[in-house]
Amino acid sequence: MPAEKKYTWRKVAEGADDFFWQENQLCEIQVKGKTICLARRGDEVFACAHKCPHAGGHLADGFVDALGNIVCPLHRYKFSLQNGRNVSGEGYYLKTYPVEVRADGVYLGLEEGGLFGFFK
């Protein structure tokens, strides 16, 4: 049975409106040395790796489709914002991060531990 993931929660904004959202409802932020792509769909905020795992396209230059998938601007590969699975059939996986919108701000969860966790 896999171990339960533990997260360090980082406050990244006072509210979802604090981000510099582009017209496509995407933006990039820096958190603890990582570049993260944020996506907004309605009142929800999602976080994922900033580059497409296929060809390295900057996902913030793509868009969120009607089904809530992030679409890469280079080759139109689509990924679920909920779990990172490639939904257009190519078999790639996009790293996602948990996001919590709380009364006092927006928080991003970064995994603790891992192979190099002892370097923290």
PDB file of N, CA and C in Angstrom:
ATOM      1  N   MET A   1       0.843  -1.176   0.000  1.00  0.00           N
ATOM      2  CA  MET A   1       0.000   0.000   0.000  1.00  0.00           C
ATOM      3  C   MET A   1       0.890   1.241   0.000  1.00  0.00           C
ATOM      4  N   PRO A   2       0.689   2.151  -0.967  1.00  0.00           N
ATOM      5  CA  PRO A   2       1.545   3.335  -1.042  1.00  0.00           C
ATOM      6  C   PRO A   2       1.326   4.259   0.148  1.00  0.00           C
ATOM      7  N   ALA A   3       2.402   4.924   0.535  1.00  0.00           N
ATOM      8  CA  ALA A   3       2.311   5.865   1.645  1.00  0.00           C
ATOM      9  C   ALA A   3       1.489   7.075   1.231  1.00  0.00           C
ATOM     10  N   GLU A   4       0.780   7.628   2.198  1.00  0.00           N
ATOM     11  CA  GLU A   4      -0.010   8.828   1.938  1.00  0.00           C
ATOM     12  C   GLU A   4       0.924  10.010   1.704  1.00  0.00           C
ATOM     13  N   LYS A   5       0.611  10.783   0.686  1.00  0.00           N
ATOM     14  CA  LYS A   5       1.452  11.943   0.385  1.00  0.00           C
ATOM     15  C   LYS A   5       1.256  13.020   1.437  1.00  0.00           C
ATOM     16  N   LYS A   6       2.370  13.648   1.810  1.00  0.00           N
ATOM     17  CA  LYS A   6       2.323  14.757   2.756  1.00  0.00           C
ATOM     18  C   LYS A   6       2.756  16.010   2.021  1.00  0.00           C
ATOM     19  N   TYR A   7       2.098  17.107   2.343  1.00  0.00           N
ATOM     20  CA  TYR A   7       2.368  18.359   1.645  1.00  0.00           C
ATOM     21  C   TYR A   7       2.787  19.452   2.612  1.00  0.00           C
ATOM     22  N   THR A   8       3.644  20.322   2.112  1.00  0.00           N
ATOM     23  CA  THR A   8       3.942  21.584   2.762  1.00  0.00           C
ATOM     24  C   THR A   8       3.093  22.608   2.018  1.00  0.00           C
ATOM     25  N   TRP A   9       2.229  23.291   2.742  1.00  0.00           N
ATOM     26  CA  TRP A   9       1.320  24.242   2.122  1.00  0.00           C
ATOM     27  C   TRP A   9       1.940  25.629   2.124  1.00  0.00           C
ATOM     28  N   ARG A  10       2.021  26.231   0.944  1.00  0.00           N
ATOM     29  CA  ARG A  10       2.594  27.568   0.759  1.00  0.00           C
ATOM     30  C   ARG A  10       1.489  28.533   0.336  1.00  0.00           C
ATOM     31  N   LYS A  11       1.362  29.621   1.083  1.00  0.00           N
ATOM     32  CA  LYS A  11       0.399  30.648   0.693  1.00  0.00           C
ATOM     33  C   LYS A  11       0.975  31.396  -0.501  1.00  0.00           C
ATOM     34  N   VAL A  12       0.219  31.435  -1.607  1.00  0.00           N
ATOM     35  CA  VAL A  12       0.717  32.067  -2.825  1.00  0.00           C
ATOM     36  C   VAL A  12      -0.032  33.348  -3.174  1.00  0.00           C
ATOM     37  N   ALA A  13      -1.155  33.622  -2.498  1.00  0.00           N
ATOM     38  CA  ALA A  13      -1.908  34.853  -2.760  1.00  0.00           C
ATOM     39  C   ALA A  13      -2.967  35.043  -1.685  1.00  0.00           C
ATOM     40  N   GLU A  14      -3.438  36.260  -1.576  1.00  0.00           N
ATOM     41  CA  GLU A  14      -4.541  36.556  -0.651  1.00  0.00           C
ATOM     42  C   GLU A  14      -5.868  36.027  -1.194  1.00  0.00           C
ATOM     43  N   GLY A  15      -5.992  36.002  -2.507  1.00  0.00           N
ATOM     44  CA  GLY A  15      -7.200  35.501  -3.152  1.00  0.00           C
ATOM     45  C   GLY A  15      -6.922  35.187  -4.609  1.00  0.00           C
ATOM     46  N   ALA A  16      -7.848  34.489  -5.258  1.00  0.00           N
ATOM     47  CA  ALA A  16      -7.648  34.080  -6.647  1.00  0.00           C
ATOM     48  C   ALA A  16      -7.541  35.280  -7.587  1.00  0.00           C
ATOM     49  N   ASP A  17      -8.121  36.407  -7.229  1.00  0.00           N
ATOM     50  CA  ASP A  17      -8.055  37.587  -8.087  1.00  0.00           C
ATOM     51  C   ASP A  17      -6.701  38.282  -8.027  1.00  0.00           C
ATOM     52  N   ASP A  18      -5.826  37.871  -7.118  1.00  0.00           N
ATOM     53  CA  ASP A  18      -4.500  38.484  -6.993  1.00  0.00           C
ATOM     54  C   ASP A  18      -3.530  38.046  -8.090  1.00  0.00           C
ATOM     55  N   PHE A  19      -3.819  36.952  -8.774  1.00  0.00           N
ATOM     56  CA  PHE A  19      -2.937  36.479  -9.828  1.00  0.00           C
ATOM     57  C   PHE A  19      -3.147  37.301 -11.087  1.00  0.00           C
ATOM     58  N   PHE A  20      -2.097  37.389 -11.885  1.00  0.00           N
ATOM     59  CA  PHE A  20      -2.192  38.089 -13.160  1.00  0.00           C
ATOM     60  C   PHE A  20      -2.718  37.099 -14.197  1.00  0.00           C
ATOM     61  N   TRP A  21      -4.033  36.963 -14.217  1.00  0.00           N
ATOM     62  CA  TRP A  21      -4.655  36.019 -15.147  1.00  0.00           C
ATOM     63  C   TRP A  21      -4.633  36.591 -16.547  1.00  0.00           C
ATOM     64  N   GLN A  22      -4.233  35.762 -17.505  1.00  0.00           N
ATOM     65  CA  GLN A  22      -4.315  36.135 -18.906  1.00  0.00           C
ATOM     66  C   GLN A  22      -5.755  35.895 -19.368  1.00  0.00           C
ATOM     67  N   GLU A  23      -6.092  36.326 -20.551  1.00  0.00           N
ATOM     68  CA  GLU A  23      -7.445  36.114 -21.083  1.00  0.00           C
ATOM     69  C   GLU A  23      -7.816  34.641 -21.115  1.00  0.00           C
ATOM     70  N   ASN A  24      -6.817  33.765 -21.246  1.00  0.00           N
ATOM     71  CA  ASN A  24      -7.063  32.322 -21.313  1.00  0.00           C
ATOM     72  C   ASN A  24      -7.210  31.688 -19.928  1.00  0.00           C
ATOM     73  N   GLN A  25      -7.233  32.516 -18.880  1.00  0.00           N
ATOM     74  CA  GLN A  25      -7.385  32.070 -17.493  1.00  0.00           C
ATOM     75  C   GLN A  25      -6.214  31.227 -16.998  1.00  0.00           C
ATOM     76  N   LEU A  26      -5.027  31.482 -17.540  1.00  0.00           N
ATOM     77  CA  LEU A  26      -3.810  30.797 -17.132  1.00  0.00           C
ATOM     78  C   LEU A  26      -2.759  31.825 -16.730  1.00  0.00           C
ATOM     79  N   CYS A  27      -1.849  31.414 -15.859  1.00  0.00           N
ATOM     80  CA  CYS A  27      -0.713  32.259 -15.495  1.00  0.00           C
ATOM     81  C   CYS A  27       0.384  31.376 -14.918  1.00  0.00           C
ATOM     82  N   GLU A  28       1.580  31.925 -14.789  1.00  0.00           N
ATOM     83  CA  GLU A  28       2.704  31.213 -14.187  1.00  0.00           C
ATOM     84  C   GLU A  28       3.124  31.948 -12.925  1.00  0.00           C
ATOM     85  N   ILE A  29       3.500  31.173 -11.897  1.00  0.00           N
ATOM     86  CA  ILE A  29       4.027  31.744 -10.669  1.00  0.00           C
ATOM     87  C   ILE A  29       5.288  30.985 -10.269  1.00  0.00           C
ATOM     88  N   GLN A  30       6.072  31.572  -9.405  1.00  0.00           N
ATOM     89  CA  GLN A  30       7.266  30.929  -8.842  1.00  0.00           C
ATOM     90  C   GLN A  30       6.968  30.593  -7.387  1.00  0.00           C
ATOM     91  N   VAL A  31       7.201  29.344  -7.000  1.00  0.00           N
ATOM     92  CA  VAL A  31       6.994  28.907  -5.622  1.00  0.00           C
ATOM     93  C   VAL A  31       8.167  28.030  -5.229  1.00  0.00           C
ATOM     94  N   LYS A  32       8.927  28.469  -4.261  1.00  0.00           N
ATOM     95  CA  LYS A  32      10.067  27.712  -3.745  1.00  0.00           C
ATOM     96  C   LYS A  32      10.961  27.178  -4.864  1.00  0.00           C
ATOM     97  N   GLY A  33      11.308  28.053  -5.794  1.00  0.00           N
ATOM     98  CA  GLY A  33      12.207  27.688  -6.876  1.00  0.00           C
ATOM     99  C   GLY A  33      11.575  26.920  -8.022  1.00  0.00           C
ATOM    100  N   LYS A  34      10.271  26.682  -7.980  1.00  0.00           N
ATOM    101  CA  LYS A  34       9.579  25.961  -9.047  1.00  0.00           C
ATOM    102  C   LYS A  34       8.685  26.929  -9.806  1.00  0.00           C
ATOM    103  N   THR A  35       8.617  26.752 -11.116  1.00  0.00           N
ATOM    104  CA  THR A  35       7.662  27.500 -11.920  1.00  0.00           C
ATOM    105  C   THR A  35       6.419  26.630 -12.053  1.00  0.00           C
ATOM    106  N   ILE A  36       5.283  27.190 -11.683  1.00  0.00           N
ATOM    107  CA  ILE A  36       4.014  26.467 -11.659  1.00  0.00           C
ATOM    108  C   ILE A  36       3.026  27.200 -12.556  1.00  0.00           C
ATOM    109  N   CYS A  37       2.258  26.448 -13.319  1.00  0.00           N
ATOM    110  CA  CYS A  37       1.183  27.020 -14.126  1.00  0.00           C
ATOM    111  C   CYS A  37      -0.107  26.921 -13.314  1.00  0.00           C
ATOM    112  N   LEU A  38      -0.810  28.033 -13.204  1.00  0.00           N
ATOM    113  CA  LEU A  38      -2.115  28.048 -12.553  1.00  0.00           C
ATOM    114  C   LEU A  38      -3.194  28.193 -13.603  1.00  0.00           C
ATOM    115  N   ALA A  39      -4.307  27.514 -13.380  1.00  0.00           N
ATOM    116  CA  ALA A  39      -5.452  27.578 -14.278  1.00  0.00           C
ATOM    117  C   ALA A  39      -6.686  27.907 -13.449  1.00  0.00           C
ATOM    118  N   ARG A  40      -7.511  28.759 -14.002  1.00  0.00           N
ATOM    119  CA  ARG A  40      -8.750  29.139 -13.319  1.00  0.00           C
ATOM    120  C   ARG A  40      -9.920  28.689 -14.175  1.00  0.00           C
ATOM    121  N   ARG A  41     -10.842  28.003 -13.511  1.00  0.00           N
ATOM    122  CA  ARG A  41     -12.078  27.572 -14.175  1.00  0.00           C
ATOM    123  C   ARG A  41     -13.213  27.833 -13.213  1.00  0.00           C
ATOM    124  N   GLY A  42     -13.981  28.855 -13.505  1.00  0.00           N
ATOM    125  CA  GLY A  42     -15.032  29.270 -12.576  1.00  0.00           C
ATOM    126  C   GLY A  42     -14.399  29.775 -11.293  1.00  0.00           C
ATOM    127  N   ASP A  43     -14.826  29.232 -10.176  1.00  0.00           N
ATOM    128  CA  ASP A  43     -14.269  29.618  -8.874  1.00  0.00           C
ATOM    129  C   ASP A  43     -13.107  28.737  -8.449  1.00  0.00           C
ATOM    130  N   GLU A  44     -12.755  27.745  -9.267  1.00  0.00           N
ATOM    131  CA  GLU A  44     -11.695  26.812  -8.902  1.00  0.00           C
ATOM    132  C   GLU A  44     -10.346  27.247  -9.473  1.00  0.00           C
ATOM    133  N   VAL A  45      -9.296  26.940  -8.711  1.00  0.00           N
ATOM    134  CA  VAL A  45      -7.924  27.192  -9.153  1.00  0.00           C
ATOM    135  C   VAL A  45      -7.192  25.849  -9.153  1.00  0.00           C
ATOM    136  N   PHE A  46      -6.480  25.570 -10.227  1.00  0.00           N
ATOM    137  CA  PHE A  46      -5.714  24.338 -10.381  1.00  0.00           C
ATOM    138  C   PHE A  46      -4.256  24.696 -10.608  1.00  0.00           C
ATOM    139  N   ALA A  47      -3.360  23.769 -10.280  1.00  0.00           N
ATOM    140  CA  ALA A  47      -1.927  23.996 -10.477  1.00  0.00           C
ATOM    141  C   ALA A  47      -1.306  22.771 -11.133  1.00  0.00           C
ATOM    142  N   CYS A  48      -0.353  23.037 -12.048  1.00  0.00           N
ATOM    143  CA  CYS A  48       0.336  21.951 -12.736  1.00  0.00           C
ATOM    144  C   CYS A  48       1.725  22.427 -13.149  1.00  0.00           C
ATOM    145  N   ALA A  49       2.513  21.497 -13.671  1.00  0.00           N
ATOM    146  CA  ALA A  49       3.822  21.844 -14.215  1.00  0.00           C
ATOM    147  C   ALA A  49       3.638  22.906 -15.288  1.00  0.00           C
ATOM    148  N   HIS A  50       4.633  23.753 -15.462  1.00  0.00           N
ATOM    149  CA  HIS A  50       4.472  24.847 -16.420  1.00  0.00           C
ATOM    150  C   HIS A  50       4.808  24.466 -17.859  1.00  0.00           C
ATOM    151  N   LYS A  51       5.435  23.298 -18.052  1.00  0.00           N
ATOM    152  CA  LYS A  51       5.783  22.861 -19.407  1.00  0.00           C
ATOM    153  C   LYS A  51       5.079  21.552 -19.736  1.00  0.00           C
ATOM    154  N   CYS A  52       4.667  21.440 -20.977  1.00  0.00           N
ATOM    155  CA  CYS A  52       4.043  20.213 -21.468  1.00  0.00           C
ATOM    156  C   CYS A  52       5.084  19.088 -21.458  1.00  0.00           C
ATOM    157  N   PRO A  53       4.725  17.889 -20.996  1.00  0.00           N
ATOM    158  CA  PRO A  53       5.690  16.785 -20.968  1.00  0.00           C
ATOM    159  C   PRO A  53       6.040  16.256 -22.358  1.00  0.00           C
ATOM    160  N   HIS A  54       5.311  16.635 -23.380  1.00  0.00           N
ATOM    161  CA  HIS A  54       5.606  16.159 -24.731  1.00  0.00           C
ATOM    162  C   HIS A  54       6.757  16.930 -25.370  1.00  0.00           C
ATOM    163  N   ALA A  55       6.593  18.241 -25.543  1.00  0.00           N
ATOM    164  CA  ALA A  55       7.605  19.010 -26.265  1.00  0.00           C
ATOM    165  C   ALA A  55       8.011  20.288 -25.540  1.00  0.00           C
ATOM    166  N   GLY A  56       7.613  20.423 -24.273  1.00  0.00           N
ATOM    167  CA  GLY A  56       8.066  21.551 -23.477  1.00  0.00           C
ATOM    168  C   GLY A  56       7.353  22.866 -23.725  1.00  0.00           C
ATOM    169  N   GLY A  57       6.192  22.840 -24.361  1.00  0.00           N
ATOM    170  CA  GLY A  57       5.429  24.068 -24.582  1.00  0.00           C
ATOM    171  C   GLY A  57       5.000  24.690 -23.263  1.00  0.00           C
ATOM    172  N   HIS A  58       5.036  26.011 -23.180  1.00  0.00           N
ATOM    173  CA  HIS A  58       4.596  26.707 -21.966  1.00  0.00           C
ATOM    174  C   HIS A  58       3.073  26.656 -21.904  1.00  0.00           C
ATOM    175  N   LEU A  59       2.567  25.928 -20.921  1.00  0.00           N
ATOM    176  CA  LEU A  59       1.129  25.715 -20.833  1.00  0.00           C
ATOM    177  C   LEU A  59       0.353  27.000 -20.588  1.00  0.00           C
ATOM    178  N   ALA A  60       0.975  27.997 -19.974  1.00  0.00           N
ATOM    179  CA  ALA A  60       0.292  29.271 -19.745  1.00  0.00           C
ATOM    180  C   ALA A  60      -0.027  29.984 -21.053  1.00  0.00           C
ATOM    181  N   ASP A  61       0.594  29.553 -22.156  1.00  0.00           N
ATOM    182  CA  ASP A  61       0.288  30.112 -23.472  1.00  0.00           C
ATOM    183  C   ASP A  61      -0.823  29.336 -24.174  1.00  0.00           C
ATOM    184  N   GLY A  62      -1.303  28.267 -23.533  1.00  0.00           N
ATOM    185  CA  GLY A  62      -2.389  27.463 -24.092  1.00  0.00           C
ATOM    186  C   GLY A  62      -3.736  27.990 -23.634  1.00  0.00           C
ATOM    187  N   PHE A  63      -4.658  27.078 -23.351  1.00  0.00           N
ATOM    188  CA  PHE A  63      -5.983  27.486 -22.885  1.00  0.00           C
ATOM    189  C   PHE A  63      -6.644  26.334 -22.140  1.00  0.00           C
ATOM    190  N   VAL A  64      -7.738  26.643 -21.460  1.00  0.00           N
ATOM    191  CA  VAL A  64      -8.555  25.635 -20.786  1.00  0.00           C
ATOM    192  C   VAL A  64      -9.781  25.426 -21.665  1.00  0.00           C
ATOM    193  N   ASP A  65     -10.017  24.172 -22.075  1.00  0.00           N
ATOM    194  CA  ASP A  65     -11.145  23.912 -22.973  1.00  0.00           C
ATOM    195  C   ASP A  65     -12.465  23.837 -22.200  1.00  0.00           C
ATOM    196  N   ALA A  66     -13.548  23.627 -22.908  1.00  0.00           N
ATOM    197  CA  ALA A  66     -14.884  23.610 -22.319  1.00  0.00           C
ATOM    198  C   ALA A  66     -15.072  22.478 -21.310  1.00  0.00           C
ATOM    199  N   LEU A  67     -14.261  21.425 -21.411  1.00  0.00           N
ATOM    200  CA  LEU A  67     -14.366  20.295 -20.487  1.00  0.00           C
ATOM    201  C   LEU A  67     -13.464  20.456 -19.267  1.00  0.00           C
ATOM    202  N   GLY A  68     -12.705  21.552 -19.212  1.00  0.00           N
ATOM    203  CA  GLY A  68     -11.828  21.794 -18.071  1.00  0.00           C
ATOM    204  C   GLY A  68     -10.452  21.185 -18.206  1.00  0.00           C
ATOM    205  N   ASN A  69     -10.027  20.875 -19.425  1.00  0.00           N
ATOM    206  CA  ASN A  69      -8.688  20.347 -19.668  1.00  0.00           C
ATOM    207  C   ASN A  69      -7.769  21.482 -20.097  1.00  0.00           C
ATOM    208  N   ILE A  70      -6.504  21.411 -19.672  1.00  0.00           N
ATOM    209  CA  ILE A  70      -5.526  22.384 -20.147  1.00  0.00           C
ATOM    210  C   ILE A  70      -4.981  21.875 -21.476  1.00  0.00           C
ATOM    211  N   VAL A  71      -4.869  22.779 -22.441  1.00  0.00           N
ATOM    212  CA  VAL A  71      -4.470  22.410 -23.803  1.00  0.00           C
ATOM    213  C   VAL A  71      -3.137  23.078 -24.117  1.00  0.00           C
ATOM    214  N   CYS A  72      -2.153  22.278 -24.503  1.00  0.00           N
ATOM    215  CA  CYS A  72      -0.828  22.785 -24.843  1.00  0.00           C
ATOM    216  C   CYS A  72      -0.888  23.615 -26.123  1.00  0.00           C
ATOM    217  N   PRO A  73      -0.191  24.753 -26.153  1.00  0.00           N
ATOM    218  CA  PRO A  73      -0.237  25.601 -27.342  1.00  0.00           C
ATOM    219  C   PRO A  73       0.528  25.035 -28.548  1.00  0.00           C
ATOM    220  N   LEU A  74       1.431  24.094 -28.339  1.00  0.00           N
ATOM    221  CA  LEU A  74       2.241  23.596 -29.451  1.00  0.00           C
ATOM    222  C   LEU A  74       1.526  22.560 -30.310  1.00  0.00           C
ATOM    223  N   HIS A  75       1.055  21.484 -29.695  1.00  0.00           N
ATOM    224  CA  HIS A  75       0.476  20.384 -30.456  1.00  0.00           C
ATOM    225  C   HIS A  75      -0.938  20.028 -30.014  1.00  0.00           C
ATOM    226  N   ARG A  76      -1.512  20.864 -29.166  1.00  0.00           N
ATOM    227  CA  ARG A  76      -2.903  20.706 -28.686  1.00  0.00           C
ATOM    228  C   ARG A  76      -3.129  19.443 -27.858  1.00  0.00           C
ATOM    229  N   TYR A  77      -2.085  18.938 -27.212  1.00  0.00           N
ATOM    230  CA  TYR A  77      -2.290  17.829 -26.290  1.00  0.00           C
ATOM    231  C   TYR A  77      -3.101  18.353 -25.113  1.00  0.00           C
ATOM    232  N   LYS A  78      -4.017  17.519 -24.621  1.00  0.00           N
ATOM    233  CA  LYS A  78      -4.923  17.926 -23.555  1.00  0.00           C
ATOM    234  C   LYS A  78      -4.664  17.102 -22.303  1.00  0.00           C
ATOM    235  N   PHE A  79      -4.721  17.790 -21.154  1.00  0.00           N
ATOM    236  CA  PHE A  79      -4.486  17.149 -19.865  1.00  0.00           C
ATOM    237  C   PHE A  79      -5.574  17.550 -18.874  1.00  0.00           C
ATOM    238  N   SER A  80      -6.012  16.584 -18.082  1.00  0.00           N
ATOM    239  CA  SER A  80      -6.975  16.864 -17.022  1.00  0.00           C
ATOM    240  C   SER A  80      -6.313  17.729 -15.950  1.00  0.00           C
ATOM    241  N   LEU A  81      -6.974  18.798 -15.559  1.00  0.00           N
ATOM    242  CA  LEU A  81      -6.441  19.635 -14.484  1.00  0.00           C
ATOM    243  C   LEU A  81      -6.595  18.961 -13.120  1.00  0.00           C
ATOM    244  N   GLN A  82      -7.518  18.014 -13.001  1.00  0.00           N
ATOM    245  CA  GLN A  82      -7.730  17.327 -11.728  1.00  0.00           C
ATOM    246  C   GLN A  82      -6.635  16.316 -11.418  1.00  0.00           C
ATOM    247  N   ASN A  83      -6.183  15.565 -12.433  1.00  0.00           N
ATOM    248  CA  ASN A  83      -5.234  14.483 -12.144  1.00  0.00           C
ATOM    249  C   ASN A  83      -4.018  14.429 -13.075  1.00  0.00           C
ATOM    250  N   GLY A  84      -3.945  15.299 -14.063  1.00  0.00           N
ATOM    251  CA  GLY A  84      -2.792  15.347 -14.963  1.00  0.00           C
ATOM    252  C   GLY A  84      -2.790  14.332 -16.088  1.00  0.00           C
ATOM    253  N   ARG A  85      -3.817  13.489 -16.155  1.00  0.00           N
ATOM    254  CA  ARG A  85      -3.845  12.468 -17.205  1.00  0.00           C
ATOM    255  C   ARG A  85      -4.050  13.096 -18.570  1.00  0.00           C
ATOM    256  N   ASN A  86      -3.347  12.561 -19.544  1.00  0.00           N
ATOM    257  CA  ASN A  86      -3.492  12.994 -20.933  1.00  0.00           C
ATOM    258  C   ASN A  86      -4.823  12.464 -21.452  1.00  0.00           C
ATOM    259  N   VAL A  87      -5.715  13.349 -21.876  1.00  0.00           N
ATOM    260  CA  VAL A  87      -7.046  12.918 -22.316  1.00  0.00           C
ATOM    261  C   VAL A  87      -7.189  12.902 -23.830  1.00  0.00           C
ATOM    262  N   SER A  88      -6.136  13.296 -24.554  1.00  0.00           N
ATOM    263  CA  SER A  88      -6.215  13.279 -26.010  1.00  0.00           C
ATOM    264  C   SER A  88      -5.537  12.048 -26.612  1.00  0.00           C
ATOM    265  N   GLY A  89      -5.091  11.109 -25.762  1.00  0.00           N
ATOM    266  CA  GLY A  89      -4.660   9.807 -26.233  1.00  0.00           C
ATOM    267  C   GLY A  89      -3.183   9.566 -26.464  1.00  0.00           C
ATOM    268  N   GLU A  90      -2.326  10.535 -26.177  1.00  0.00           N
ATOM    269  CA  GLU A  90      -0.907  10.342 -26.468  1.00  0.00           C
ATOM    270  C   GLU A  90      -0.143   9.618 -25.357  1.00  0.00           C
ATOM    271  N   GLY A  91      -0.717   9.512 -24.175  1.00  0.00           N
ATOM    272  CA  GLY A  91      -0.099   8.736 -23.109  1.00  0.00           C
ATOM    273  C   GLY A  91       0.831   9.497 -22.181  1.00  0.00           C
ATOM    274  N   TYR A  92       0.904  10.795 -22.285  1.00  0.00           N
ATOM    275  CA  TYR A  92       1.750  11.589 -21.388  1.00  0.00           C
ATOM    276  C   TYR A  92       1.021  11.879 -20.089  1.00  0.00           C
ATOM    277  N   TYR A  93       1.779  12.310 -19.086  1.00  0.00           N
ATOM    278  CA  TYR A  93       1.212  12.641 -17.783  1.00  0.00           C
ATOM    279  C   TYR A  93       1.767  13.993 -17.347  1.00  0.00           C
ATOM    280  N   LEU A  94       0.903  14.865 -16.891  1.00  0.00           N
ATOM    281  CA  LEU A  94       1.277  16.205 -16.450  1.00  0.00           C
ATOM    282  C   LEU A  94       1.264  16.258 -14.925  1.00  0.00           C
ATOM    283  N   LYS A  95       2.357  16.706 -14.325  1.00  0.00           N
ATOM    284  CA  LYS A  95       2.432  16.842 -12.866  1.00  0.00           C
ATOM    285  C   LYS A  95       1.425  17.887 -12.412  1.00  0.00           C
ATOM    286  N   THR A  96       0.616  17.532 -11.420  1.00  0.00           N
ATOM    287  CA  THR A  96      -0.345  18.473 -10.840  1.00  0.00           C
ATOM    288  C   THR A  96      -0.019  18.683  -9.368  1.00  0.00           C
ATOM    289  N   TYR A  97      -0.495  19.787  -8.837  1.00  0.00           N
ATOM    290  CA  TYR A  97      -0.291  20.136  -7.446  1.00  0.00           C
ATOM    291  C   TYR A  97      -1.644  20.467  -6.825  1.00  0.00           C
ATOM    292  N   PRO A  98      -1.849  20.096  -5.556  1.00  0.00           N
ATOM    293  CA  PRO A  98      -3.115  20.449  -4.920  1.00  0.00           C
ATOM    294  C   PRO A  98      -3.163  21.947  -4.603  1.00  0.00           C
ATOM    295  N   VAL A  99      -4.347  22.515  -4.731  1.00  0.00           N
ATOM    296  CA  VAL A  99      -4.578  23.927  -4.419  1.00  0.00           C
ATOM    297  C   VAL A  99      -5.763  24.008  -3.480  1.00  0.00           C
ATOM    298  N   GLU A 100      -5.649  24.830  -2.460  1.00  0.00           N
ATOM    299  CA  GLU A 100      -6.764  25.097  -1.559  1.00  0.00           C
ATOM    300  C   GLU A 100      -7.011  26.592  -1.514  1.00  0.00           C
ATOM    301  N   VAL A 101      -8.250  26.974  -1.804  1.00  0.00           N
ATOM    302  CA  VAL A 101      -8.649  28.371  -1.645  1.00  0.00           C
ATOM    303  C   VAL A 101      -9.321  28.449  -0.284  1.00  0.00           C
ATOM    304  N   ARG A 102      -8.643  29.093   0.648  1.00  0.00           N
ATOM    305  CA  ARG A 102      -9.117  29.207   2.027  1.00  0.00           C
ATOM    306  C   ARG A 102      -9.587  30.634   2.287  1.00  0.00           C
ATOM    307  N   ALA A 103     -10.204  30.830   3.439  1.00  0.00           N
ATOM    308  CA  ALA A 103     -10.699  32.161   3.806  1.00  0.00           C
ATOM    309  C   ALA A 103      -9.577  33.191   3.848  1.00  0.00           C
ATOM    310  N   ASP A 104      -8.354  32.760   4.198  1.00  0.00           N
ATOM    311  CA  ASP A 104      -7.243  33.710   4.329  1.00  0.00           C
ATOM    312  C   ASP A 104      -6.290  33.696   3.139  1.00  0.00           C
ATOM    313  N   GLY A 105      -6.621  32.979   2.064  1.00  0.00           N
ATOM    314  CA  GLY A 105      -5.751  33.017   0.894  1.00  0.00           C
ATOM    315  C   GLY A 105      -5.779  31.749   0.073  1.00  0.00           C
ATOM    316  N   VAL A 106      -4.913  31.738  -0.954  1.00  0.00           N
ATOM    317  CA  VAL A 106      -4.769  30.591  -1.847  1.00  0.00           C
ATOM    318  C   VAL A 106      -3.476  29.877  -1.492  1.00  0.00           C
ATOM    319  N   TYR A 107      -3.571  28.568  -1.273  1.00  0.00           N
ATOM    320  CA  TYR A 107      -2.427  27.767  -0.853  1.00  0.00           C
ATOM    321  C   TYR A 107      -2.132  26.687  -1.881  1.00  0.00           C
ATOM    322  N   LEU A 108      -0.835  26.459  -2.097  1.00  0.00           N
ATOM    323  CA  LEU A 108      -0.354  25.436  -3.014  1.00  0.00           C
ATOM    324  C   LEU A 108       0.366  24.374  -2.202  1.00  0.00           C
ATOM    325  N   GLY A 109       0.062  23.094  -2.452  1.00  0.00           N
ATOM    326  CA  GLY A 109       0.703  21.994  -1.742  1.00  0.00           C
ATOM    327  C   GLY A 109       1.897  21.457  -2.500  1.00  0.00           C
ATOM    328  N   LEU A 110       3.058  21.469  -1.861  1.00  0.00           N
ATOM    329  CA  LEU A 110       4.268  20.877  -2.434  1.00  0.00           C
ATOM    330  C   LEU A 110       4.590  19.620  -1.644  1.00  0.00           C
ATOM    331  N   GLU A 111       4.874  18.526  -2.348  1.00  0.00           N
ATOM    332  CA  GLU A 111       5.138  17.244  -1.687  1.00  0.00           C
ATOM    333  C   GLU A 111       6.363  17.315  -0.797  1.00  0.00           C
ATOM    334  N   GLU A 112       6.236  16.699   0.367  1.00  0.00           N
ATOM    335  CA  GLU A 112       7.375  16.573   1.283  1.00  0.00           C
ATOM    336  C   GLU A 112       8.082  15.270   0.989  1.00  0.00           C
ATOM    337  N   GLY A 113       9.316  15.192   1.407  1.00  0.00           N
ATOM    338  CA  GLY A 113      10.060  13.938   1.289  1.00  0.00           C
ATOM    339  C   GLY A 113      10.457  13.631  -0.132  1.00  0.00           C
ATOM    340  N   GLY A 114      10.267  12.397  -0.523  1.00  0.00           N
ATOM    341  CA  GLY A 114      10.711  11.965  -1.843  1.00  0.00           C
ATOM    342  C   GLY A 114      12.164  11.533  -1.772  1.00  0.00           C
ATOM    343  N   LEU A 115      12.708  11.195  -2.899  1.00  0.00           N
ATOM    344  CA  LEU A 115      14.068  10.691  -2.982  1.00  0.00           C
ATOM    345  C   LEU A 115      15.084  11.667  -2.417  1.00  0.00           C
ATOM    346  N   PHE A 116      14.905  12.961  -2.676  1.00  0.00           N
ATOM    347  CA  PHE A 116      15.877  13.940  -2.232  1.00  0.00           C
ATOM    348  C   PHE A 116      15.367  14.797  -1.072  1.00  0.00           C
ATOM    349  N   GLY A 117      14.357  14.310  -0.349  1.00  0.00           N
ATOM    350  CA  GLY A 117      13.765  15.048   0.753  1.00  0.00           C
ATOM    351  C   GLY A 117      14.755  15.380   1.855  1.00  0.00           C
ATOM    352  N   PHE A 118      15.818  14.582   2.007  1.00  0.00           N
ATOM    353  CA  PHE A 118      16.769  14.821   3.074  1.00  0.00           C
ATOM    354  C   PHE A 118      17.657  16.048   2.795  1.00  0.00           C
ATOM    355  N   PHE A 119      17.593  16.635   1.606  1.00  0.00           N
ATOM    356  CA  PHE A 119      18.377  17.825   1.291  1.00  0.00           C
ATOM    357  C   PHE A 119      17.711  19.111   1.754  1.00  0.00           C
ATOM    358  N   LYS A 120      16.485  19.031   2.238  1.00  0.00           N
ATOM    359  CA  LYS A 120      15.739  20.236   2.643  1.00  0.00           C
ATOM    360  C   LYS A 120      16.326  20.879   3.855  1.00  0.00           C
TER     361      LYS A 120
END
